[in-house]
Amino acid sequence: MQNATLTIDGMNGEACADLVTLVLNNITGVSDVRVSLLNSQASLKFDENHTSQPYLITSLARAGYTARAGQAEKAGGCCGGCCGG
């Protein structure tokens, strides 16, 4: 499993955040989806044997959102978010 953070443009309200969550949760191999409307980001885990960051971005584009990927890292790695590391 890898952790990923996507920056998503075009989310204007809770309905948009809910749709982004739905799109990502419906992709095989994706789990622990958390969408922040305030930060225009989605964080998630994905199984690289079932999907990829480019596929996540394409799926969001089909739903009308532009997304950019941050660097994927193995689950359990430090992203610096909670600890500032």
C-alpha atoms as a PDB file:
ATOM      1  CA  MET A   1       0.000   0.000   0.000  1.00  0.00           C
ATOM      2  CA  GLN A   2       1.092   3.542  -0.712  1.00  0.00           C
ATOM      3  CA  ASN A   3      -0.067   6.824   0.761  1.00  0.00           C
ATOM      4  CA  ALA A   4      -0.944   9.601  -1.666  1.00  0.00           C
ATOM      5  CA  THR A   5      -2.010  13.205  -1.411  1.00  0.00           C
ATOM      6  CA  LEU A   6      -3.776  14.791  -4.364  1.00  0.00           C
ATOM      7  CA  THR A   7      -4.353  18.513  -4.773  1.00  0.00           C
ATOM      8  CA  ILE A   8      -7.758  18.965  -6.396  1.00  0.00           C
ATOM      9  CA  ASP A   9      -8.969  22.085  -8.187  1.00  0.00           C
ATOM     10  CA  GLY A  10     -12.636  22.870  -8.663  1.00  0.00           C
ATOM     11  CA  MET A  11     -14.127  21.767  -5.351  1.00  0.00           C
ATOM     12  CA  ASN A  12     -16.508  24.583  -4.413  1.00  0.00           C
ATOM     13  CA  GLY A  13     -18.598  23.041  -1.658  1.00  0.00           C
ATOM     14  CA  GLU A  14     -19.429  19.948   0.368  1.00  0.00           C
ATOM     15  CA  ALA A  15     -21.219  18.342  -2.589  1.00  0.00           C
ATOM     16  CA  CYS A  16     -17.974  18.526  -4.578  1.00  0.00           C
ATOM     17  CA  ALA A  17     -15.964  17.032  -1.723  1.00  0.00           C
ATOM     18  CA  ASP A  18     -18.559  14.267  -1.394  1.00  0.00           C
ATOM     19  CA  LEU A  19     -18.334  13.492  -5.124  1.00  0.00           C
ATOM     20  CA  VAL A  20     -14.512  13.379  -5.008  1.00  0.00           C
ATOM     21  CA  THR A  21     -14.752  10.997  -2.044  1.00  0.00           C
ATOM     22  CA  LEU A  22     -17.232   8.807  -3.911  1.00  0.00           C
ATOM     23  CA  VAL A  23     -15.124   8.690  -7.079  1.00  0.00           C
ATOM     24  CA  LEU A  24     -11.970   7.725  -5.186  1.00  0.00           C
ATOM     25  CA  ASN A  25     -13.718   5.183  -2.938  1.00  0.00           C
ATOM     26  CA  ASN A  26     -15.141   3.429  -6.005  1.00  0.00           C
ATOM     27  CA  ILE A  27     -11.674   2.668  -7.405  1.00  0.00           C
ATOM     28  CA  THR A  28     -10.488  -0.871  -6.685  1.00  0.00           C
ATOM     29  CA  GLY A  29      -7.499  -0.837  -4.353  1.00  0.00           C
ATOM     30  CA  VAL A  30      -8.227   2.563  -2.777  1.00  0.00           C
ATOM     31  CA  SER A  31      -8.902   2.937   0.947  1.00  0.00           C
ATOM     32  CA  ASP A  32      -8.866   5.489   3.771  1.00  0.00           C
ATOM     33  CA  VAL A  33     -10.003   8.385   1.563  1.00  0.00           C
ATOM     34  CA  ARG A  34     -10.088  11.735   3.347  1.00  0.00           C
ATOM     35  CA  VAL A  35     -11.030  14.869   1.433  1.00  0.00           C
ATOM     36  CA  SER A  36     -10.373  18.378   2.756  1.00  0.00           C
ATOM     37  CA  LEU A  37     -12.455  21.050   1.078  1.00  0.00           C
ATOM     38  CA  LEU A  38     -10.546  23.728   2.998  1.00  0.00           C
ATOM     39  CA  ASN A  39      -7.147  22.536   1.703  1.00  0.00           C
ATOM     40  CA  SER A  40      -8.401  21.314  -1.697  1.00  0.00           C
ATOM     41  CA  GLN A  41      -6.723  17.971  -1.059  1.00  0.00           C
ATOM     42  CA  ALA A  42      -7.503  14.303  -0.824  1.00  0.00           C
ATOM     43  CA  SER A  43      -5.362  11.859   1.095  1.00  0.00           C
ATOM     44  CA  LEU A  44      -5.722   8.137   0.620  1.00  0.00           C
ATOM     45  CA  LYS A  45      -4.040   4.764   0.538  1.00  0.00           C
ATOM     46  CA  PHE A  46      -3.883   2.694  -2.621  1.00  0.00           C
ATOM     47  CA  ASP A  47      -2.676  -0.736  -3.599  1.00  0.00           C
ATOM     48  CA  GLU A  48      -0.208  -0.243  -6.440  1.00  0.00           C
ATOM     49  CA  ASN A  49      -1.091  -3.737  -7.711  1.00  0.00           C
ATOM     50  CA  HIS A  50      -4.627  -2.515  -8.497  1.00  0.00           C
ATOM     51  CA  THR A  51      -4.345   1.175  -9.363  1.00  0.00           C
ATOM     52  CA  SER A  52      -1.934   4.073  -9.807  1.00  0.00           C
ATOM     53  CA  GLN A  53      -1.777   7.804  -9.200  1.00  0.00           C
ATOM     54  CA  PRO A  54      -2.275   8.555 -12.926  1.00  0.00           C
ATOM     55  CA  TYR A  55      -5.466   6.459 -12.859  1.00  0.00           C
ATOM     56  CA  LEU A  56      -6.717   8.328  -9.766  1.00  0.00           C
ATOM     57  CA  ILE A  57      -6.085  11.644 -11.535  1.00  0.00           C
ATOM     58  CA  THR A  58      -7.819  10.446 -14.713  1.00  0.00           C
ATOM     59  CA  SER A  59     -10.829   9.261 -12.723  1.00  0.00           C
ATOM     60  CA  LEU A  60     -11.155  12.663 -11.068  1.00  0.00           C
ATOM     61  CA  ALA A  61     -10.779  14.393 -14.449  1.00  0.00           C
ATOM     62  CA  ARG A  62     -13.701  12.335 -15.775  1.00  0.00           C
ATOM     63  CA  ALA A  63     -15.737  13.672 -12.849  1.00  0.00           C
ATOM     64  CA  GLY A  64     -14.750  17.248 -13.764  1.00  0.00           C
ATOM     65  CA  TYR A  65     -11.881  17.913 -11.351  1.00  0.00           C
ATOM     66  CA  THR A  66      -8.259  18.745 -12.078  1.00  0.00           C
ATOM     67  CA  ALA A  67      -5.898  16.922  -9.724  1.00  0.00           C
ATOM     68  CA  ARG A  68      -2.158  16.927  -9.199  1.00  0.00           C
ATOM     69  CA  ALA A  69      -0.289  14.180  -7.400  1.00  0.00           C
ATOM     70  CA  GLY A  70       2.134  14.576  -4.577  1.00  0.00           C
ATOM     71  CA  GLN A  71       4.811  11.967  -4.037  1.00  0.00           C
ATOM     72  CA  ALA A  72       3.499   8.531  -3.097  1.00  0.00           C
ATOM     73  CA  GLU A  73       5.138   6.834  -0.185  1.00  0.00           C
ATOM     74  CA  LYS A  74       4.879   3.441   1.419  1.00  0.00           C
ATOM     75  CA  ALA A  75       2.253   3.232   4.154  1.00  0.00           C
ATOM     76  CA  GLY A  76       3.763   4.046   7.502  1.00  0.00           C
ATOM     77  CA  GLY A  77       6.214   6.543   6.025  1.00  0.00           C
ATOM     78  CA  CYS A  78       6.404  10.093   7.293  1.00  0.00           C
ATOM     79  CA  CYS A  79       4.718  12.697   5.139  1.00  0.00           C
ATOM     80  CA  GLY A  80       5.578  15.487   7.580  1.00  0.00           C
ATOM     81  CA  GLY A  81       1.902  16.370   8.012  1.00  0.00           C
ATOM     82  CA  CYS A  82       1.118  15.374  11.571  1.00  0.00           C
ATOM     83  CA  CYS A  83       4.610  15.538  13.079  1.00  0.00           C
ATOM     84  CA  GLY A  84       6.177  18.219  10.905  1.00  0.00           C
ATOM     85  CA  GLY A  85       8.929  15.695  10.131  1.00  0.00           C
END
